[in-house]
Amino acid sequence: MPVPSSAQPLQTPQRRELYFFSLYRVLEAALFVLLAYVPLSSLNAEMRQPVLAKMASVLYLAASAVMLWTARNANVRVRRQAAIGLCCDLTAAVAALLCQSGMDSGVSLLLLFNIGAGGLILTARSSLGFALLASGVVLSEYVANRLFGTAGTAPVAEALMFSVTYLAAAVLFNQLAKQVEQSHALAEKRGAEVANLSEINELVIRRMRTGVLVVDGSHRIRLWNEAAWGLLGNPSAARRDLADVAPALHQSLWHWRQGRGEVPKALTLAEGLPEVLPRFVAISLADTMFLLFLDDSRIYSDRAEELTLSTLGRLSASIAHEIRNPLAAISYSAQLLDESMALPDTDRRLLEIIHSQCQRMNGIVQNILGLARRERSQAEPLELVAFSRQFVDEYRTNHPLETDVLQAVHSSPTLMTIADPQHLHQVLTILVQNALHYGREPGKPAQVTVAVRSDGAHGTPLLEVIDRGPGIPPRVVEQIFAPFFTTSEYGTGLGLYIARQLCEANQCSLAVEPVPAGGCCFRITLPTIQSLHPELHLPGV
């Protein structure tokens, strides 16, 4: 019996139906050959045209075999081959009815399945057309028998019943084919959705920051994602025994399986890697599969630090707000005492200390309050060269400096970016104040430069504050932007932290770089207008 080739699978329901329809046709043709070559006297039938019956049955069998072979070809049009097959079926039925007598009902009954199978494949109009042809064949055979005096015992009602059955089978099977086609389309759609969801789930699990392991009852690893592979120390794919890959995790899982109530402790799975917080879940009640979640302890540390900073910020803002009133009273009282003409010089020196410390405390309060209630960025197109010049002129006016202590330089006449001018002004103020205070050699005046240039490779706008001081030690650079970190007994450790926060709010980055000739450079990398607003085309860009 022919079997569909694996190289050409029967993908659609119609192609599968055509294949089995062709297989049935071969069996039907083989039956006609058997009846043609076997005496029919034992079957109470008479062969009127034996030569014609043999030739027609052999041709029908050959045609059926060819159609069965071509039914496996994916390039063959299904409905066309089904129509050709039905034409062969009707021709064979006519030949069988002409060549014999006594088996009219059997031939008509065999034809019923052909009409129904055609209804599953063909359109409604084609199915009804072949049903009418089959009805015409049956009725014509009955009329011919009556005209030529070869009528059997079958009444005319039998021919009419077969005709109605053909029409009904064509309609019903065609409706069934439509439902099958719709069900197949729905199944394919659902299958595609399930496949997409499966791919999404696999991608999500693979990209999760939490490590995921699937372990069987013998503690052999079945699956792991990228995070778990990294937390286990990037072991070889051939190593699947949990006791070999991570002995500590193996022991922890074993103890959990024994108690089920014990909370696993933090583990270090490989040298040089952070601690891992494991969590275990039994997938099946029979203890055959387990799901292991591995959380990097640094995530919890970062969250705890964020929560601590947020709480500390709110607390500091509340304290700073309460300090302002007594601080203002102290400063005002010192100013009144300073107006007295009878104060000795030693007391006036004490008043100067009180006044300077009040100013310092007021600066600390302003920094803390600014950090706590920082407003959102209001970015706008900004020309950096003109902005830097205006900033330097304004700073010189408000803070009298020596000649050439603070200057602005630029490498191009104009350079556009997009940022909040107030935020950028505040950042520059912090950086320039730090450079003037810390960026100087002992006994020498400070030299601070506000430079505007663009990155030659990508055209990225850069705004730099450069000093000629002793520079910053590497160990300090690592923590210089951390909140409340300072190397001065008079500093708060909030200036550079606030500057970086303001830069990040404007999609900028703030970094510190050493200067080869000595000194330090704080570099602000700003976005280009095209990177944020491609629709803007401003002059000079």
Protein backbone atom coordinates (compact mmCIF):
# COMPACT_ATOMS: atom_id res chain seq x y z
CA MET A 1 0.00 0.00 0.00
CA PRO A 2 1.50 3.37 -0.97
CA VAL A 3 2.43 5.66 1.90
CA PRO A 4 2.88 9.45 1.65
CA SER A 5 6.52 10.37 1.18
CA SER A 6 8.20 12.13 4.09
CA ALA A 7 9.85 14.49 1.62
CA GLN A 8 6.45 15.73 0.47
CA PRO A 9 4.15 15.72 3.49
CA LEU A 10 0.40 16.22 3.16
CA GLN A 11 0.23 19.64 4.75
CA THR A 12 -3.42 20.62 4.23
CA PRO A 13 -6.65 18.72 4.95
CA GLN A 14 -7.70 18.90 1.27
CA ARG A 15 -4.43 17.28 0.14
CA ARG A 16 -4.83 14.51 2.71
CA GLU A 17 -8.42 13.98 1.60
CA LEU A 18 -7.28 13.83 -2.04
CA TYR A 19 -4.67 11.19 -1.18
CA PHE A 20 -7.13 8.92 0.64
CA PHE A 21 -9.74 9.55 -2.07
CA SER A 22 -7.20 8.40 -4.67
CA LEU A 23 -6.39 5.36 -2.52
CA TYR A 24 -10.08 4.45 -2.37
CA ARG A 25 -10.28 4.82 -6.15
CA VAL A 26 -7.46 2.30 -6.58
CA LEU A 27 -9.33 -0.19 -4.40
CA GLU A 28 -12.53 0.50 -6.35
CA ALA A 29 -10.75 -0.04 -9.67
CA ALA A 30 -9.20 -3.27 -8.37
CA LEU A 31 -12.69 -4.50 -7.50
CA PHE A 32 -13.90 -3.72 -11.05
CA VAL A 33 -10.94 -5.68 -12.49
CA LEU A 34 -11.77 -8.61 -10.24
CA LEU A 35 -15.41 -8.60 -11.35
CA ALA A 36 -14.36 -8.34 -15.00
CA TYR A 37 -12.04 -11.35 -14.89
CA VAL A 38 -14.04 -13.58 -12.52
CA PRO A 39 -17.22 -15.35 -13.72
CA LEU A 40 -20.30 -13.56 -12.40
CA SER A 41 -22.59 -16.58 -12.41
CA SER A 42 -21.68 -17.25 -8.80
CA LEU A 43 -22.71 -13.68 -7.97
CA ASN A 44 -26.13 -13.90 -9.68
CA ALA A 45 -24.96 -11.36 -12.25
CA GLU A 46 -24.49 -11.46 -16.01
CA MET A 47 -21.62 -9.93 -18.05
CA ARG A 48 -23.04 -8.59 -21.34
CA GLN A 49 -19.79 -7.08 -22.75
CA PRO A 50 -16.84 -9.00 -21.25
CA VAL A 51 -14.17 -7.53 -23.56
CA LEU A 52 -15.28 -3.99 -22.93
CA ALA A 53 -15.48 -4.67 -19.18
CA LYS A 54 -11.91 -6.00 -19.06
CA MET A 55 -10.48 -3.10 -21.07
CA ALA A 56 -12.39 -0.45 -19.10
CA SER A 57 -11.47 -1.93 -15.72
CA VAL A 58 -7.76 -2.16 -16.58
CA LEU A 59 -7.69 1.42 -17.90
CA TYR A 60 -9.54 2.59 -14.78
CA LEU A 61 -7.02 0.82 -12.52
CA ALA A 62 -4.08 2.35 -14.41
CA ALA A 63 -5.59 5.84 -14.24
CA SER A 64 -6.31 5.38 -10.52
CA ALA A 65 -2.70 4.34 -9.85
CA VAL A 66 -1.38 7.40 -11.72
CA MET A 67 -3.67 9.74 -9.76
CA LEU A 68 -2.62 8.12 -6.48
CA TRP A 69 1.05 8.72 -7.34
CA THR A 70 0.46 12.34 -8.37
CA ALA A 71 -1.62 13.00 -5.21
CA ARG A 72 1.65 13.03 -3.25
CA ASN A 73 3.09 15.78 -5.42
CA ALA A 74 2.82 19.15 -3.65
CA ASN A 75 2.72 21.01 -7.00
CA VAL A 76 -0.48 19.30 -8.21
CA ARG A 77 -3.64 21.39 -7.91
CA VAL A 78 -5.95 19.53 -5.57
CA ARG A 79 -9.33 20.55 -6.97
CA ARG A 80 -8.30 19.98 -10.58
CA GLN A 81 -7.12 16.43 -9.84
CA ALA A 82 -10.29 15.74 -7.82
CA ALA A 83 -12.43 16.84 -10.77
CA ILE A 84 -10.43 14.65 -13.19
CA GLY A 85 -10.78 11.73 -10.80
CA LEU A 86 -14.57 12.16 -10.61
CA CYS A 87 -14.77 12.23 -14.39
CA CYS A 88 -12.90 8.91 -14.47
CA ASP A 89 -15.22 7.55 -11.77
CA LEU A 90 -18.35 8.47 -13.72
CA THR A 91 -16.89 7.01 -16.93
CA ALA A 92 -16.03 3.77 -15.15
CA ALA A 93 -19.51 3.64 -13.62
CA VAL A 94 -21.12 4.07 -17.06
CA ALA A 95 -18.93 1.28 -18.47
CA ALA A 96 -19.77 -1.01 -15.55
CA LEU A 97 -23.50 -0.41 -15.98
CA LEU A 98 -23.31 -1.12 -19.73
CA CYS A 99 -21.20 -4.29 -19.40
CA GLN A 100 -23.18 -6.12 -16.73
CA SER A 101 -26.63 -6.60 -15.32
CA GLY A 102 -27.77 -7.44 -11.85
CA MET A 103 -25.30 -5.22 -9.95
CA ASP A 104 -26.74 -1.79 -10.72
CA SER A 105 -27.37 -1.01 -7.06
CA GLY A 106 -23.81 -1.93 -6.08
CA VAL A 107 -22.28 0.32 -8.73
CA SER A 108 -24.59 3.17 -7.74
CA LEU A 109 -23.67 2.69 -4.09
CA LEU A 110 -19.93 2.77 -4.85
CA LEU A 111 -20.45 6.01 -6.75
CA LEU A 112 -22.05 7.59 -3.67
CA PHE A 113 -18.72 7.68 -1.81
CA ASN A 114 -16.99 9.25 -4.81
CA ILE A 115 -19.54 12.07 -4.92
CA GLY A 116 -19.21 12.66 -1.16
CA ALA A 117 -15.41 12.68 -1.28
CA GLY A 118 -15.52 15.13 -4.17
CA GLY A 119 -17.77 17.38 -2.09
CA LEU A 120 -15.02 17.58 0.56
CA ILE A 121 -12.53 18.94 -1.98
CA LEU A 122 -14.43 20.78 -4.73
CA THR A 123 -16.45 23.97 -4.56
CA ALA A 124 -20.19 23.85 -3.92
CA ARG A 125 -21.04 24.48 -7.58
CA SER A 126 -18.68 21.76 -8.85
CA SER A 127 -19.92 19.28 -6.25
CA LEU A 128 -23.54 19.81 -7.27
CA GLY A 129 -22.56 19.51 -10.94
CA PHE A 130 -20.96 16.09 -10.45
CA ALA A 131 -23.90 15.01 -8.26
CA LEU A 132 -26.28 15.89 -11.10
CA LEU A 133 -24.08 13.97 -13.58
CA ALA A 134 -24.13 10.92 -11.29
CA SER A 135 -27.92 11.21 -10.97
CA GLY A 136 -28.16 11.43 -14.76
CA VAL A 137 -26.05 8.27 -15.13
CA VAL A 138 -28.28 6.29 -12.75
CA LEU A 139 -31.55 7.55 -14.29
CA SER A 140 -30.22 7.05 -17.84
CA GLU A 141 -29.33 3.46 -17.06
CA TYR A 142 -32.87 2.82 -15.76
CA VAL A 143 -34.43 4.46 -18.84
CA ALA A 144 -32.14 2.49 -21.20
CA ASN A 145 -33.12 -0.75 -19.53
CA ARG A 146 -36.80 0.08 -19.99
CA LEU A 147 -36.36 1.10 -23.67
CA PHE A 148 -34.30 -1.90 -24.74
CA GLY A 149 -36.24 -4.42 -22.70
CA THR A 150 -33.37 -5.27 -20.36
CA ALA A 151 -35.05 -3.92 -17.25
CA GLY A 152 -34.24 -5.62 -13.97
CA THR A 153 -36.30 -5.86 -10.90
CA ALA A 154 -35.14 -2.50 -9.47
CA PRO A 155 -38.03 0.01 -9.41
CA VAL A 156 -37.70 3.62 -10.57
CA ALA A 157 -37.91 4.75 -6.93
CA GLU A 158 -34.47 3.25 -6.35
CA ALA A 159 -32.93 5.39 -9.09
CA LEU A 160 -34.65 8.48 -7.71
CA MET A 161 -33.41 7.68 -4.21
CA PHE A 162 -29.85 7.41 -5.43
CA SER A 163 -30.19 10.71 -7.29
CA VAL A 164 -31.47 12.52 -4.19
CA THR A 165 -28.75 10.90 -2.08
CA TYR A 166 -26.04 12.12 -4.49
CA LEU A 167 -27.32 15.69 -4.28
CA ALA A 168 -27.64 15.56 -0.50
CA ALA A 169 -24.16 14.01 -0.10
CA ALA A 170 -22.63 16.73 -2.30
CA VAL A 171 -24.22 19.51 -0.22
CA LEU A 172 -23.53 17.99 3.20
CA PHE A 173 -19.94 17.00 2.47
CA ASN A 174 -19.23 20.42 0.99
CA GLN A 175 -20.51 22.10 4.16
CA LEU A 176 -18.42 19.69 6.21
CA ALA A 177 -15.37 20.63 4.13
CA LYS A 178 -15.94 24.33 4.88
CA GLN A 179 -16.12 23.60 8.61
CA VAL A 180 -12.97 21.48 8.42
CA GLU A 181 -11.17 24.25 6.52
CA GLN A 182 -12.24 26.84 9.07
CA SER A 183 -11.19 24.58 11.94
CA HIS A 184 -7.85 23.99 10.26
CA ALA A 185 -7.29 27.74 9.76
CA LEU A 186 -8.24 28.40 13.38
CA ALA A 187 -5.93 25.62 14.56
CA GLU A 188 -3.06 27.06 12.51
CA LYS A 189 -3.74 30.53 13.91
CA ARG A 190 -3.85 29.20 17.47
CA GLY A 191 -0.74 27.15 16.79
CA ALA A 192 1.10 30.22 15.51
CA GLU A 193 0.00 32.19 18.58
CA VAL A 194 1.14 29.40 20.89
CA ALA A 195 4.46 29.20 19.04
CA ASN A 196 4.91 32.97 19.36
CA LEU A 197 4.05 32.88 23.06
CA SER A 198 6.46 30.00 23.53
CA GLU A 199 9.24 31.96 21.82
CA ILE A 200 8.44 35.05 23.90
CA ASN A 201 8.43 33.02 27.12
CA GLU A 202 11.71 31.39 26.17
CA LEU A 203 13.24 34.78 25.34
CA VAL A 204 11.97 36.30 28.60
CA ILE A 205 13.33 33.41 30.66
CA ARG A 206 16.63 33.47 28.79
CA ARG A 207 17.05 37.23 29.31
CA MET A 208 15.89 37.32 32.93
CA ARG A 209 18.34 38.74 35.44
CA THR A 210 17.19 36.02 37.81
CA GLY A 211 18.88 32.69 37.16
CA VAL A 212 16.50 29.82 36.39
CA LEU A 213 17.41 26.13 36.63
CA VAL A 214 15.27 23.05 36.01
CA VAL A 215 16.60 20.05 37.95
CA ASP A 216 15.25 16.50 38.03
CA GLY A 217 14.92 14.25 41.05
CA SER A 218 18.53 13.04 40.79
CA HIS A 219 19.71 16.65 40.77
CA ARG A 220 20.68 16.61 37.13
CA ILE A 221 20.32 19.95 35.33
CA ARG A 222 17.82 19.83 32.48
CA LEU A 223 17.58 23.52 31.56
CA TRP A 224 19.24 26.80 32.53
CA ASN A 225 19.09 30.37 31.32
CA GLU A 226 21.92 32.81 30.65
CA ALA A 227 21.79 34.39 34.10
CA ALA A 228 22.00 31.01 35.85
CA TRP A 229 24.87 29.97 33.60
CA GLY A 230 26.77 33.13 34.56
CA LEU A 231 26.03 32.78 38.28
CA LEU A 232 27.30 29.19 38.18
CA GLY A 233 30.64 30.35 36.77
CA ASN A 234 29.99 29.60 33.04
CA PRO A 235 30.36 25.79 33.31
CA SER A 236 30.71 23.52 30.29
CA ALA A 237 27.48 22.44 28.63
CA ALA A 238 28.48 18.81 29.15
CA ARG A 239 28.46 19.24 32.93
CA ARG A 240 24.90 18.58 33.99
CA ASP A 241 25.29 17.09 37.48
CA LEU A 242 24.34 19.78 40.03
CA ALA A 243 26.65 18.22 42.63
CA ASP A 244 29.54 18.69 40.22
CA VAL A 245 28.61 22.17 38.95
CA ALA A 246 27.57 23.73 42.28
CA PRO A 247 28.07 21.47 45.33
CA ALA A 248 26.79 24.13 47.75
CA LEU A 249 23.57 24.52 45.76
CA HIS A 250 23.21 20.75 45.57
CA GLN A 251 23.46 20.48 49.37
CA SER A 252 21.04 23.36 49.87
CA LEU A 253 18.46 21.76 47.56
CA TRP A 254 18.86 18.42 49.32
CA HIS A 255 18.29 19.96 52.75
CA TRP A 256 15.27 21.86 51.42
CA ARG A 257 13.78 18.65 50.04
CA GLN A 258 14.16 17.03 53.44
CA GLY A 259 12.59 19.85 55.41
CA ARG A 260 10.61 21.92 52.84
CA GLY A 261 10.24 24.67 55.45
CA GLU A 262 13.85 25.75 55.71
CA VAL A 263 14.71 29.03 54.01
CA PRO A 264 17.85 28.60 51.86
CA LYS A 265 20.83 30.76 52.81
CA ALA A 266 22.93 32.93 50.54
CA LEU A 267 25.56 30.94 48.66
CA THR A 268 28.73 31.64 46.70
CA LEU A 269 28.62 29.25 43.74
CA ALA A 270 31.97 30.12 42.14
CA GLU A 271 35.11 31.97 43.09
CA GLY A 272 35.02 35.64 42.26
CA LEU A 273 31.23 35.72 41.81
CA PRO A 274 28.71 37.48 44.05
CA GLU A 275 26.54 35.70 46.57
CA VAL A 276 23.36 34.09 45.30
CA LEU A 277 20.02 33.84 47.08
CA PRO A 278 18.39 30.55 45.96
CA ARG A 279 14.68 29.76 45.92
CA PHE A 280 13.27 26.29 45.27
CA VAL A 281 9.90 25.22 43.86
CA ALA A 282 8.72 21.65 43.29
CA ILE A 283 7.20 21.35 39.80
CA SER A 284 5.58 17.95 40.43
CA LEU A 285 4.21 16.35 43.58
CA ALA A 286 6.26 13.22 42.94
CA ASP A 287 9.53 15.12 43.55
CA THR A 288 10.75 14.42 40.04
CA MET A 289 11.32 17.99 38.84
CA PHE A 290 12.37 21.16 40.66
CA LEU A 291 12.62 24.79 39.65
CA LEU A 292 15.52 26.77 41.11
CA PHE A 293 15.62 30.59 41.09
CA LEU A 294 19.01 32.22 41.69
CA ASP A 295 18.93 35.92 42.62
CA ASP A 296 22.08 38.02 42.56
CA SER A 297 22.48 39.50 46.04
CA ARG A 298 23.79 42.72 44.48
CA ILE A 299 20.28 43.47 43.18
CA TYR A 300 18.91 43.49 46.72
CA SER A 301 21.89 45.53 47.90
CA ASP A 302 21.28 48.12 45.19
CA ARG A 303 17.58 48.28 46.05
CA ALA A 304 18.37 48.64 49.73
CA GLU A 305 20.85 51.41 48.92
CA GLU A 306 18.28 53.21 46.77
CA LEU A 307 15.70 52.94 49.53
CA THR A 308 18.24 54.17 52.09
CA LEU A 309 19.21 57.13 49.93
CA SER A 310 15.58 58.00 49.27
CA THR A 311 14.70 57.84 52.96
CA LEU A 312 17.85 59.71 53.91
CA GLY A 313 17.08 62.37 51.33
CA ARG A 314 13.60 62.96 52.70
CA LEU A 315 14.89 62.98 56.27
CA SER A 316 17.72 65.36 55.36
CA ALA A 317 15.31 67.67 53.57
CA SER A 318 13.08 67.77 56.65
CA ILE A 319 16.02 68.49 58.94
CA ALA A 320 17.43 71.10 56.56
CA HIS A 321 14.09 72.85 56.40
CA GLU A 322 13.95 73.02 60.21
CA ILE A 323 17.54 74.32 60.39
CA ARG A 324 16.86 77.30 58.14
CA ASN A 325 14.85 79.27 60.72
CA PRO A 326 17.37 79.16 63.61
CA LEU A 327 20.20 79.62 61.11
CA ALA A 328 18.58 82.78 59.77
CA ALA A 329 18.14 84.06 63.34
CA ILE A 330 21.82 83.42 64.15
CA SER A 331 22.97 85.14 60.95
CA TYR A 332 20.71 88.15 61.56
CA SER A 333 21.89 88.46 65.16
CA ALA A 334 25.52 88.36 64.05
CA GLN A 335 24.87 91.15 61.55
CA LEU A 336 23.32 93.30 64.32
CA LEU A 337 26.30 92.71 66.58
CA ASP A 338 28.65 93.61 63.76
CA GLU A 339 27.00 97.05 63.55
CA SER A 340 28.04 97.85 67.13
CA MET A 341 30.95 100.31 67.29
CA ALA A 342 32.07 99.21 70.77
CA LEU A 343 33.07 95.65 69.85
CA PRO A 344 36.78 94.84 70.19
CA ASP A 345 38.69 93.34 67.26
CA THR A 346 38.78 89.87 68.83
CA ASP A 347 34.97 89.79 69.02
CA ARG A 348 34.67 91.00 65.46
CA ARG A 349 36.89 88.10 64.41
CA LEU A 350 34.49 85.76 66.17
CA LEU A 351 31.58 87.42 64.31
CA GLU A 352 33.36 86.82 61.01
CA ILE A 353 33.67 83.14 61.89
CA ILE A 354 29.98 82.98 62.80
CA HIS A 355 29.00 84.73 59.57
CA SER A 356 31.17 82.46 57.35
CA GLN A 357 29.90 79.32 59.04
CA CYS A 358 26.30 80.51 58.65
CA GLN A 359 26.93 80.97 54.92
CA ARG A 360 28.43 77.49 54.73
CA MET A 361 25.47 75.99 56.57
CA ASN A 362 23.09 77.86 54.31
CA GLY A 363 24.86 76.37 51.27
CA ILE A 364 24.48 72.88 52.72
CA VAL A 365 20.78 73.47 53.34
CA GLN A 366 20.30 74.76 49.78
CA ASN A 367 22.04 71.69 48.32
CA ILE A 368 19.96 69.26 50.35
CA LEU A 369 16.70 71.01 49.55
CA GLY A 370 17.63 71.19 45.86
CA LEU A 371 18.34 67.46 45.83
CA ALA A 372 15.05 66.63 47.54
CA ARG A 373 12.74 68.76 45.36
CA ARG A 374 14.55 68.67 42.04
CA GLU A 375 12.22 69.60 39.22
CA ARG A 376 11.90 67.73 35.95
CA SER A 377 14.06 68.71 33.01
CA GLN A 378 12.66 71.32 30.60
CA ALA A 379 14.93 70.64 27.64
CA GLU A 380 15.19 73.09 24.75
CA PRO A 381 17.62 73.73 21.87
CA LEU A 382 20.74 75.42 23.25
CA GLU A 383 23.79 76.98 21.58
CA LEU A 384 26.71 75.89 23.78
CA VAL A 385 29.34 78.48 22.76
CA ALA A 386 27.16 81.46 23.61
CA PHE A 387 25.89 79.72 26.75
CA SER A 388 29.43 79.05 28.06
CA ARG A 389 30.50 82.65 27.40
CA GLN A 390 27.44 84.02 29.17
CA PHE A 391 28.02 81.69 32.12
CA VAL A 392 31.67 82.77 32.52
CA ASP A 393 30.76 86.47 32.31
CA GLU A 394 27.96 86.03 34.85
CA TYR A 395 30.17 84.04 37.22
CA ARG A 396 32.91 86.67 37.06
CA THR A 397 30.37 89.37 37.86
CA ASN A 398 28.88 87.55 40.85
CA HIS A 399 32.22 86.16 42.08
CA PRO A 400 35.07 88.67 41.62
CA LEU A 401 38.12 86.73 40.43
CA GLU A 402 41.66 87.43 39.41
CA THR A 403 42.46 87.97 35.73
CA ASP A 404 42.48 84.81 33.58
CA VAL A 405 41.44 82.59 36.49
CA LEU A 406 38.25 81.54 34.64
CA GLN A 407 37.92 81.66 30.87
CA ALA A 408 35.82 80.13 28.10
CA VAL A 409 37.27 78.50 24.97
CA HIS A 410 35.68 76.79 22.01
CA SER A 411 36.78 74.93 18.89
CA SER A 412 33.91 75.99 16.61
CA PRO A 413 31.86 79.18 16.33
CA THR A 414 28.57 77.41 17.16
CA LEU A 415 27.57 74.05 18.58
CA MET A 416 23.96 73.05 19.16
CA THR A 417 22.56 70.66 21.74
CA ILE A 418 19.33 70.17 23.67
CA ALA A 419 19.21 70.54 27.46
CA ASP A 420 17.62 72.45 30.32
CA PRO A 421 19.59 75.72 30.62
CA GLN A 422 18.89 76.07 34.35
CA HIS A 423 20.07 72.54 35.09
CA LEU A 424 23.17 72.97 32.94
CA HIS A 425 23.92 76.30 34.65
CA GLN A 426 23.66 74.63 38.07
CA VAL A 427 25.97 71.81 36.98
CA LEU A 428 28.58 74.25 35.66
CA THR A 429 28.38 76.27 38.88
CA ILE A 430 29.12 73.18 40.97
CA LEU A 431 32.00 72.08 38.72
CA VAL A 432 33.58 75.55 38.52
CA GLN A 433 33.33 76.09 42.28
CA ASN A 434 35.02 72.74 42.92
CA ALA A 435 37.71 73.49 40.33
CA LEU A 436 38.45 76.92 41.83
CA HIS A 437 38.59 75.51 45.34
CA TYR A 438 40.36 72.17 44.84
CA GLY A 439 41.96 72.45 41.40
CA ARG A 440 44.96 74.59 42.26
CA GLU A 441 48.56 73.94 43.19
CA PRO A 442 49.61 75.10 46.66
CA GLY A 443 50.65 78.75 46.58
CA LYS A 444 49.49 79.27 42.99
CA PRO A 445 46.28 80.81 41.61
CA ALA A 446 43.67 78.55 40.08
CA GLN A 447 43.32 78.25 36.31
CA VAL A 448 39.93 76.98 35.22
CA THR A 449 38.75 76.65 31.61
CA VAL A 450 35.20 76.06 30.39
CA ALA A 451 35.75 74.39 27.00
CA VAL A 452 33.16 73.68 24.31
CA ARG A 453 34.02 71.22 21.55
CA SER A 454 32.59 68.29 19.63
CA ASP A 455 33.67 64.69 19.46
CA GLY A 456 35.44 64.40 16.12
CA ALA A 457 34.28 60.82 15.50
CA HIS A 458 30.54 61.30 16.04
CA GLY A 459 30.05 65.06 16.36
CA THR A 460 28.77 64.71 19.94
CA PRO A 461 28.72 68.02 21.87
CA LEU A 462 31.12 68.12 24.82
CA LEU A 463 31.24 70.69 27.63
CA GLU A 464 34.36 70.46 29.81
CA VAL A 465 35.57 72.13 33.00
CA ILE A 466 39.36 71.82 33.13
CA ASP A 467 41.68 72.84 35.95
CA ARG A 468 45.49 72.83 36.34
CA GLY A 469 45.58 71.45 39.84
CA PRO A 470 47.15 68.32 41.32
CA GLY A 471 44.48 66.04 39.89
CA ILE A 472 42.32 63.44 41.65
CA PRO A 473 43.77 60.17 43.02
CA PRO A 474 42.37 57.00 41.35
CA ARG A 475 40.91 55.70 44.61
CA VAL A 476 38.95 58.94 45.00
CA VAL A 477 37.74 58.94 41.38
CA GLU A 478 35.89 55.66 41.98
CA GLN A 479 33.70 57.26 44.68
CA ILE A 480 33.72 60.92 43.72
CA PHE A 481 30.09 60.90 42.51
CA ALA A 482 28.74 58.95 45.48
CA PRO A 483 26.39 60.90 47.76
CA PHE A 484 27.93 62.32 50.95
CA PHE A 485 31.45 61.37 49.86
CA THR A 486 33.96 64.17 50.38
CA THR A 487 37.67 64.58 51.08
CA SER A 488 37.25 67.98 52.71
CA GLU A 489 36.18 68.60 56.27
CA TYR A 490 34.11 71.54 55.03
CA GLY A 491 32.37 69.71 52.16
CA THR A 492 28.99 68.00 52.11
CA GLY A 493 29.66 65.40 49.41
CA LEU A 494 26.48 66.37 47.57
CA GLY A 495 27.71 68.76 44.89
CA LEU A 496 29.02 66.26 42.33
CA TYR A 497 26.22 63.83 43.16
CA ILE A 498 23.62 66.51 42.36
CA ALA A 499 25.55 67.46 39.20
CA ARG A 500 25.46 63.89 37.90
CA GLN A 501 21.76 63.52 38.75
CA LEU A 502 20.96 66.71 36.84
CA CYS A 503 22.99 65.48 33.86
CA GLU A 504 21.15 62.15 33.80
CA ALA A 505 17.81 64.01 33.94
CA ASN A 506 18.86 65.74 30.68
CA GLN A 507 20.11 62.52 29.05
CA CYS A 508 23.68 63.67 29.50
CA SER A 509 26.63 61.94 31.11
CA LEU A 510 29.19 63.40 33.52
CA ALA A 511 32.61 61.81 33.83
CA VAL A 512 36.01 62.77 35.20
CA GLU A 513 39.15 62.43 33.09
CA PRO A 514 42.82 63.10 33.95
CA VAL A 515 44.70 65.81 32.04
CA PRO A 516 48.08 64.72 30.65
CA ALA A 517 49.74 68.07 31.50
CA GLY A 518 48.41 67.91 35.05
CA GLY A 519 45.02 68.71 36.45
CA CYS A 520 41.55 67.30 36.03
CA CYS A 521 38.74 67.48 33.45
CA PHE A 522 35.04 67.04 34.22
CA ARG A 523 33.41 66.23 30.87
CA ILE A 524 29.68 66.60 30.15
CA THR A 525 28.59 64.62 27.08
CA LEU A 526 25.40 66.15 25.71
CA PRO A 527 22.96 64.81 23.12
CA THR A 528 22.72 66.19 19.61
CA ILE A 529 19.44 67.67 18.45
CA GLN A 530 19.14 65.08 15.67
CA SER A 531 19.44 62.20 18.16
CA LEU A 532 16.43 63.41 20.18
CA HIS A 533 14.40 65.41 17.64
CA PRO A 534 15.25 64.35 14.06
CA GLU A 535 12.56 66.67 12.74
CA LEU A 536 14.41 69.78 13.96
CA HIS A 537 16.72 71.46 11.46
CA LEU A 538 18.18 74.58 13.02
CA PRO A 539 20.73 76.95 11.48
CA GLY A 540 24.29 76.18 12.38
CA VAL A 541 23.63 72.51 13.15
